[in-house]
Protein backbone atom coordinates (compact mmCIF):
# COMPACT_ATOMS: atom_id res chain seq x y z
CA MET A 1 -29.59 1.81 15.79
CA THR A 2 -25.93 1.30 14.49
CA ARG A 3 -25.23 -1.87 12.53
CA ARG A 4 -22.28 -3.77 13.81
CA PRO A 5 -19.18 -4.36 11.41
CA GLY A 6 -18.99 -8.01 10.18
CA ILE A 7 -16.35 -9.83 8.39
CA ASP A 8 -17.30 -8.78 4.84
CA ASP A 9 -16.60 -5.01 6.02
CA LEU A 10 -13.02 -5.80 5.93
CA TYR A 11 -12.95 -5.99 2.29
CA ALA A 12 -13.27 -2.29 2.13
CA PHE A 13 -10.08 -1.74 3.93
CA GLU A 14 -6.76 -0.87 2.45
CA PHE A 15 -3.38 -1.71 4.49
CA PRO A 16 -0.48 0.27 3.87
CA GLU A 17 2.80 -1.90 4.98
CA GLN A 18 6.32 -2.36 4.21
CA LEU A 19 7.08 1.40 4.40
CA ALA A 20 10.60 2.54 2.95
CA ILE A 21 11.83 5.92 3.39
CA SER A 22 14.06 7.58 0.78
CA PRO A 23 17.57 8.29 2.12
CA ASP A 24 16.86 11.91 1.70
CA GLY A 25 13.61 11.69 3.43
CA ARG A 26 11.60 13.14 0.42
CA ARG A 27 9.68 10.15 -0.47
CA ILE A 28 7.97 6.94 0.94
CA ALA A 29 7.84 3.76 -0.82
CA TYR A 30 5.20 1.26 0.33
CA VAL A 31 3.19 -1.68 -0.29
CA LEU A 32 -0.77 -1.24 -0.24
CA ARG A 33 -2.58 -4.53 0.51
CA THR A 34 -6.23 -4.77 -0.54
CA ALA A 35 -8.72 -7.84 -0.57
CA ASP A 36 -9.90 -9.32 -3.70
CA ARG A 37 -13.07 -10.77 -2.53
CA ALA A 38 -13.90 -12.13 -6.36
CA GLN A 39 -10.59 -14.07 -6.40
CA ASP A 40 -10.45 -14.84 -2.87
CA GLU A 41 -6.84 -13.22 -2.27
CA ASP A 42 -5.02 -10.36 -1.25
CA THR A 43 -3.71 -7.67 -3.82
CA ARG A 44 -0.70 -5.94 -3.73
CA SER A 45 0.68 -2.88 -5.26
CA LEU A 46 3.62 -0.55 -5.05
CA TRP A 47 2.90 3.15 -4.18
CA LEU A 48 5.02 6.20 -3.70
CA VAL A 49 4.08 9.52 -1.92
CA GLY A 50 6.16 12.47 -1.31
CA THR A 51 6.67 13.60 2.44
CA GLU A 52 5.61 17.26 1.35
CA ASP A 53 2.99 17.07 -1.45
CA GLY A 54 1.26 13.91 0.19
CA GLU A 55 -0.26 12.88 -3.50
CA PRO A 56 0.36 9.22 -3.62
CA ARG A 57 1.16 7.47 -7.23
CA ARG A 58 0.67 3.58 -7.67
CA LEU A 59 3.95 2.42 -9.41
CA THR A 60 3.07 -1.15 -10.00
CA ARG A 61 0.19 -3.96 -9.49
CA GLY A 62 0.88 -7.34 -9.06
CA PRO A 63 1.28 -10.80 -7.03
CA ALA A 64 4.84 -10.18 -6.31
CA ASP A 65 4.83 -6.72 -5.51
CA LEU A 66 6.56 -6.70 -2.08
CA ALA A 67 9.60 -5.12 -0.37
CA PRO A 68 10.20 -1.66 -1.58
CA ALA A 69 14.16 -0.66 -1.09
CA TRP A 70 15.92 2.31 -2.09
CA SER A 71 19.41 2.50 -3.05
CA PRO A 72 22.20 4.24 -1.39
CA ASP A 73 21.68 7.35 -3.61
CA GLY A 74 17.98 7.28 -3.84
């Protein structure tokens, strides 16, 4: 018998959001949102991933890490 998912299962998910593609199309900056059950809040961090190598790298972690953007020259 398969267990039905419950509300507590949502704490295991990570949600990528606010994607920003670099002007040259080679990198993507994004916010990764996770739920912190102990603190009863969402946490966010900025990440960077190459479109060719696909290895994500965390850049920051803090409560105001939102809205990644690129300058015109990258």
